[in-house]
Amino acid sequence: MQRWQDHITTCALAVVCGLLAGTPGAAQSRSDSETAPFRKTIAQYCLGCHSSATKTAGLDLESLAAAAVSHDTDTWEGVVRKLRGRQMPPVGMPKPEESEYRAALLSLTSELDGLASSDPNPGRTPTFRRLNRTEYRNAIRDLLALQVNVDDLLPSDEASHGFDNITVSDLPPLLLERYVSAAEKISRLAVGRVGRLPDAVTIRLPPDLTQEQHIPGLPIGTRGGALVPHTFPVDGEYEISVRLARDRNEDIEGLTRRHQLELLVDRERLA
């Protein structure tokens, strides 16, 4: 019996010794956090304005520093931005040395990064929504290198609460059909479908387009003309006809003498 009690006593002592041996490590971890360089910097340079009593700009760094960083990571992120931009303390107040700035930033960002990696918070994910016509055109341009006039493919965007795009759940069936039809036409342009029938495209310029000055995008030294973006769907022979505006007597308007007209494709002269 005595031997069994001695065994229990020995085990109890071992457990107590183990707990005592582990205690300094935990205490050391808390002590390291409490004496981190950023806390010393805040205590020395920031509490004159941002204490619990003053709360300048509504910021109480004294209470914030007394708690764990995980208590309010958003405010600490703001402190990081201020320290990184050397905006705190403000002009006219004593400022830390550059080495103190770096040490404070390193210790604070290390704690914030550790919290972010141990408990990731992606935030609120946005609701799925459709692209409006401008976004759709830009997406096609970036993905397929095609300049598409989506005004002819999709209906105009109706604004609601200041926005001209809506969520997928509210997408009307008619609008969905227009998106599918637009996708079919754009995909044919992207892959260059072989075997299509001959087609014609007529491009009309505004009647008030002046021809007296240089047109942006055309070669330097030219005057007037027009810059027409167009996607040629397949390799083949294309016929390009240019007709100048005429009056009721079939006379060309605005031209009293002979002019030279140049036709360029991709800035290369064709005729």
Protein backbone atom coordinates (compact mmCIF):
# COMPACT_ATOMS: atom_id res chain seq x y z
CA MET A 1 0.00 0.00 0.00
CA GLN A 2 2.79 2.37 0.91
CA ARG A 3 4.53 1.59 -2.35
CA TRP A 4 1.35 2.38 -4.34
CA GLN A 5 0.94 5.73 -2.58
CA ASP A 6 4.57 6.55 -3.29
CA HIS A 7 3.90 5.81 -6.96
CA ILE A 8 0.89 8.16 -6.99
CA THR A 9 2.90 10.88 -5.27
CA THR A 10 5.70 10.49 -7.76
CA CYS A 11 3.28 10.76 -10.70
CA ALA A 12 1.60 13.80 -9.19
CA LEU A 13 4.94 15.49 -8.69
CA ALA A 14 5.87 14.72 -12.28
CA VAL A 15 2.65 16.27 -13.56
CA VAL A 16 3.12 19.36 -11.39
CA CYS A 17 6.70 19.70 -12.53
CA GLY A 18 5.56 19.37 -16.12
CA LEU A 19 2.97 22.11 -15.67
CA LEU A 20 5.48 24.35 -13.97
CA ALA A 21 7.94 23.70 -16.76
CA GLY A 22 5.34 24.73 -19.34
CA THR A 23 4.18 27.84 -17.54
CA PRO A 24 7.24 30.04 -18.23
CA GLY A 25 6.88 29.41 -21.97
CA ALA A 26 3.26 30.60 -22.03
CA ALA A 27 4.11 33.53 -19.80
CA GLN A 28 7.02 34.37 -22.04
CA SER A 29 4.71 34.38 -25.08
CA ARG A 30 2.30 36.78 -23.38
CA SER A 31 5.18 38.88 -22.18
CA ASP A 32 6.59 39.11 -25.71
CA SER A 33 3.22 40.35 -27.02
CA GLU A 34 2.86 42.87 -24.21
CA THR A 35 6.36 44.24 -24.78
CA ALA A 36 6.25 44.20 -28.57
CA PRO A 37 7.99 47.20 -30.17
CA PHE A 38 4.76 48.60 -31.62
CA ARG A 39 3.20 48.79 -28.14
CA LYS A 40 6.21 50.66 -26.81
CA THR A 41 6.08 53.09 -29.75
CA ILE A 42 2.37 53.73 -29.25
CA ALA A 43 2.78 54.19 -25.51
CA GLN A 44 5.60 56.69 -26.01
CA TYR A 45 4.41 58.71 -29.00
CA CYS A 46 0.66 58.21 -29.48
CA LEU A 47 -1.17 58.16 -26.15
CA GLY A 48 -0.83 61.92 -25.73
CA CYS A 49 -3.59 62.32 -28.30
CA HIS A 50 -5.22 58.89 -28.45
CA SER A 51 -5.61 57.92 -24.79
CA SER A 52 -8.83 56.75 -23.15
CA ALA A 53 -9.35 60.30 -21.87
CA THR A 54 -8.65 62.31 -25.04
CA LYS A 55 -9.76 59.92 -27.84
CA THR A 56 -8.67 62.34 -30.56
CA ALA A 57 -10.51 61.56 -33.83
CA GLY A 58 -12.45 58.93 -31.88
CA LEU A 59 -9.38 56.69 -31.58
CA ASP A 60 -8.57 55.14 -28.20
CA LEU A 61 -5.18 53.48 -28.61
CA GLU A 62 -4.73 53.07 -24.89
CA SER A 63 -7.61 50.58 -24.59
CA LEU A 64 -6.67 49.06 -27.92
CA ALA A 65 -3.08 48.42 -26.83
CA ALA A 66 -4.25 46.91 -23.54
CA ALA A 67 -6.14 44.16 -25.40
CA ALA A 68 -4.96 41.51 -27.81
CA VAL A 69 -4.40 42.50 -31.43
CA SER A 70 -7.12 40.04 -32.45
CA HIS A 71 -9.67 42.16 -30.56
CA ASP A 72 -9.78 44.81 -33.33
CA THR A 73 -7.65 43.95 -36.35
CA ASP A 74 -9.34 46.57 -38.56
CA THR A 75 -8.15 49.43 -36.36
CA TRP A 76 -4.68 47.94 -36.15
CA GLU A 77 -4.59 47.77 -39.96
CA GLY A 78 -5.30 51.50 -39.96
CA VAL A 79 -2.44 52.02 -37.51
CA VAL A 80 -0.15 50.11 -39.89
CA ARG A 81 -1.09 52.42 -42.77
CA LYS A 82 -0.43 55.50 -40.66
CA LEU A 83 2.94 54.19 -39.48
CA ARG A 84 3.93 53.04 -42.93
CA GLY A 85 3.19 56.48 -44.37
CA ARG A 86 4.97 58.13 -41.44
CA GLN A 87 1.72 60.06 -40.83
CA MET A 88 1.66 59.34 -37.12
CA PRO A 89 2.56 61.17 -34.92
CA PRO A 90 1.42 64.32 -36.80
CA VAL A 91 3.64 67.20 -37.83
CA GLY A 92 4.99 69.16 -34.89
CA MET A 93 4.89 66.23 -32.48
CA PRO A 94 7.89 64.12 -31.39
CA LYS A 95 8.46 61.29 -33.85
CA PRO A 96 10.20 57.92 -33.45
CA GLU A 97 13.54 57.23 -35.05
CA GLU A 98 13.47 55.40 -38.37
CA SER A 99 14.67 52.21 -36.67
CA GLU A 100 11.76 52.48 -34.21
CA TYR A 101 9.31 52.89 -37.09
CA ARG A 102 10.66 49.76 -38.79
CA ALA A 103 10.67 47.71 -35.59
CA ALA A 104 7.11 48.75 -34.72
CA LEU A 105 5.85 47.95 -38.21
CA LEU A 106 7.60 44.59 -38.28
CA SER A 107 6.19 43.48 -34.93
CA LEU A 108 2.65 44.69 -35.66
CA THR A 109 2.42 43.31 -39.19
CA SER A 110 3.85 39.99 -38.00
CA GLU A 111 1.05 39.65 -35.45
CA LEU A 112 -1.61 40.66 -37.99
CA ASP A 113 -0.23 38.27 -40.61
CA GLY A 114 -0.18 35.46 -38.05
CA LEU A 115 -3.81 36.10 -37.14
CA ALA A 116 -4.82 36.25 -40.80
CA SER A 117 -3.12 32.94 -41.61
CA SER A 118 -4.52 31.15 -38.56
CA ASP A 119 -8.09 32.40 -39.08
CA PRO A 120 -8.58 33.48 -42.71
CA ASN A 121 -11.48 35.86 -43.31
CA PRO A 122 -12.18 36.41 -47.02
CA GLY A 123 -14.90 38.92 -46.20
CA ARG A 124 -18.24 39.28 -47.91
CA THR A 125 -18.27 37.75 -51.37
CA PRO A 126 -20.12 39.82 -53.97
CA THR A 127 -23.35 38.60 -55.52
CA PHE A 128 -23.09 37.22 -59.03
CA ARG A 129 -24.21 39.82 -61.54
CA ARG A 130 -24.22 40.29 -65.27
CA LEU A 131 -21.98 42.67 -67.20
CA ASN A 132 -23.45 45.83 -68.61
CA ARG A 133 -22.76 46.64 -72.25
CA THR A 134 -19.57 48.59 -71.57
CA GLU A 135 -18.14 45.83 -69.36
CA TYR A 136 -19.20 43.18 -71.88
CA ARG A 137 -17.47 44.99 -74.76
CA ASN A 138 -14.29 45.42 -72.72
CA ALA A 139 -14.31 41.75 -71.67
CA ILE A 140 -14.60 40.61 -75.31
CA ARG A 141 -11.79 42.98 -76.27
CA ASP A 142 -9.48 41.69 -73.53
CA LEU A 143 -10.26 37.99 -73.99
CA LEU A 144 -10.61 37.68 -77.78
CA ALA A 145 -8.93 40.84 -79.13
CA LEU A 146 -12.16 41.72 -80.97
CA GLN A 147 -13.73 45.16 -81.20
CA VAL A 148 -17.46 44.42 -81.16
CA ASN A 149 -20.29 46.94 -81.30
CA VAL A 150 -22.42 45.44 -78.53
CA ASP A 151 -25.04 48.18 -78.98
CA ASP A 152 -26.31 46.17 -81.94
CA LEU A 153 -26.29 42.90 -79.98
CA LEU A 154 -27.64 43.78 -76.52
CA PRO A 155 -30.47 46.06 -75.37
CA SER A 156 -29.69 49.27 -73.53
CA ASP A 157 -28.93 48.99 -69.81
CA GLU A 158 -31.67 50.21 -67.51
CA ALA A 159 -30.46 51.94 -64.38
CA SER A 160 -31.80 50.92 -60.98
CA HIS A 161 -30.68 52.52 -57.71
CA GLY A 162 -27.85 54.19 -59.60
CA PHE A 163 -26.51 50.99 -61.23
CA ASP A 164 -26.96 49.72 -64.77
CA ASN A 165 -26.27 46.05 -64.06
CA ILE A 166 -28.41 43.53 -62.21
CA THR A 167 -27.93 40.16 -60.56
CA VAL A 168 -28.20 36.91 -62.48
CA SER A 169 -31.25 35.89 -60.47
CA ASP A 170 -33.19 38.84 -61.91
CA LEU A 171 -32.05 38.27 -65.51
CA PRO A 172 -35.17 38.32 -67.74
CA PRO A 173 -35.48 35.42 -70.25
CA LEU A 174 -35.53 37.84 -73.21
CA LEU A 175 -32.27 39.44 -72.12
CA LEU A 176 -30.74 36.01 -71.57
CA GLU A 177 -31.64 35.09 -75.16
CA ARG A 178 -29.92 38.24 -76.41
CA TYR A 179 -26.77 37.30 -74.50
CA VAL A 180 -26.83 33.81 -76.02
CA SER A 181 -27.36 35.24 -79.50
CA ALA A 182 -24.51 37.73 -78.98
CA ALA A 183 -22.23 34.93 -77.79
CA GLU A 184 -22.97 32.89 -80.93
CA LYS A 185 -22.14 35.81 -83.24
CA ILE A 186 -18.97 36.72 -81.33
CA SER A 187 -17.78 33.12 -81.25
CA ARG A 188 -18.14 32.91 -85.03
CA LEU A 189 -16.06 36.06 -85.36
CA ALA A 190 -13.45 34.67 -82.96
CA VAL A 191 -12.93 31.34 -84.76
CA GLY A 192 -13.53 32.65 -88.30
CA ARG A 193 -16.26 30.23 -89.39
CA VAL A 194 -15.49 28.87 -92.87
CA GLY A 195 -18.17 28.57 -95.53
CA ARG A 196 -20.20 31.66 -94.70
CA LEU A 197 -22.07 33.37 -97.50
CA PRO A 198 -20.82 36.65 -98.97
CA ASP A 199 -21.94 39.56 -96.85
CA ALA A 200 -21.82 43.34 -96.97
CA VAL A 201 -21.38 45.95 -94.29
CA THR A 202 -22.34 49.59 -94.82
CA ILE A 203 -20.76 52.20 -92.61
CA ARG A 204 -22.25 55.70 -92.70
CA LEU A 205 -20.36 58.66 -91.28
CA PRO A 206 -22.11 61.57 -89.56
CA PRO A 207 -23.05 64.26 -92.12
CA ASP A 208 -21.51 66.98 -89.95
CA LEU A 209 -18.09 65.28 -89.74
CA THR A 210 -15.61 67.98 -90.71
CA GLN A 211 -12.90 67.21 -93.24
CA GLU A 212 -10.82 70.30 -92.63
CA GLN A 213 -8.58 68.99 -89.83
CA HIS A 214 -6.50 65.96 -88.93
CA ILE A 215 -8.51 62.98 -87.64
CA PRO A 216 -7.00 61.44 -84.46
CA GLY A 217 -5.64 57.95 -85.19
CA LEU A 218 -4.85 58.59 -88.85
CA PRO A 219 -1.26 59.16 -90.08
CA ILE A 220 0.32 62.52 -89.43
CA GLY A 221 0.10 64.76 -92.49
CA THR A 222 -3.37 63.63 -93.54
CA ARG A 223 -6.44 65.84 -93.37
CA GLY A 224 -9.99 64.65 -92.99
CA GLY A 225 -11.04 61.10 -93.76
CA ALA A 226 -12.41 58.55 -91.31
CA LEU A 227 -11.11 55.89 -88.94
CA VAL A 228 -13.36 52.81 -89.06
CA PRO A 229 -12.68 49.85 -86.73
CA HIS A 230 -13.67 46.57 -88.42
CA THR A 231 -12.99 42.88 -87.81
CA PHE A 232 -12.46 40.74 -90.91
CA PRO A 233 -13.89 37.33 -89.91
CA VAL A 234 -11.97 35.11 -92.38
CA ASP A 235 -9.15 35.29 -94.87
CA GLY A 236 -10.49 36.13 -98.33
CA GLU A 237 -11.00 38.78 -100.95
CA TYR A 238 -12.77 41.91 -99.75
CA GLU A 239 -14.10 44.72 -101.90
CA ILE A 240 -14.01 48.16 -100.30
CA SER A 241 -15.99 50.97 -101.89
CA VAL A 242 -15.87 54.60 -100.78
CA ARG A 243 -18.65 56.98 -101.73
CA LEU A 244 -18.42 60.66 -100.87
CA ALA A 245 -21.43 62.67 -99.77
CA ARG A 246 -23.27 64.29 -102.64
CA ASP A 247 -25.96 66.91 -102.97
CA ARG A 248 -29.23 66.65 -104.84
CA ASN A 249 -27.39 67.28 -108.12
CA GLU A 250 -25.02 64.37 -107.40
CA ASP A 251 -22.15 66.80 -106.95
CA ILE A 252 -19.61 66.06 -104.20
CA GLU A 253 -20.15 68.55 -101.42
CA GLY A 254 -17.31 70.78 -100.28
CA LEU A 255 -14.81 69.84 -103.02
CA THR A 256 -13.98 72.50 -105.55
CA ARG A 257 -10.72 70.99 -106.80
CA ARG A 258 -9.01 67.62 -107.15
CA HIS A 259 -7.99 65.75 -103.97
CA GLN A 260 -6.06 62.55 -103.32
CA LEU A 261 -7.80 59.86 -101.27
CA GLU A 262 -5.77 57.13 -99.57
CA LEU A 263 -7.16 53.82 -98.32
CA LEU A 264 -5.26 52.15 -95.46
CA VAL A 265 -5.78 48.88 -93.58
CA ASP A 266 -3.81 48.46 -90.34
CA ARG A 267 -2.01 51.70 -91.33
CA GLU A 268 -0.73 50.07 -94.56
CA ARG A 269 -1.66 51.83 -97.81
CA LEU A 270 -3.78 49.70 -100.14
CA ALA A 271 -4.81 52.22 -102.76
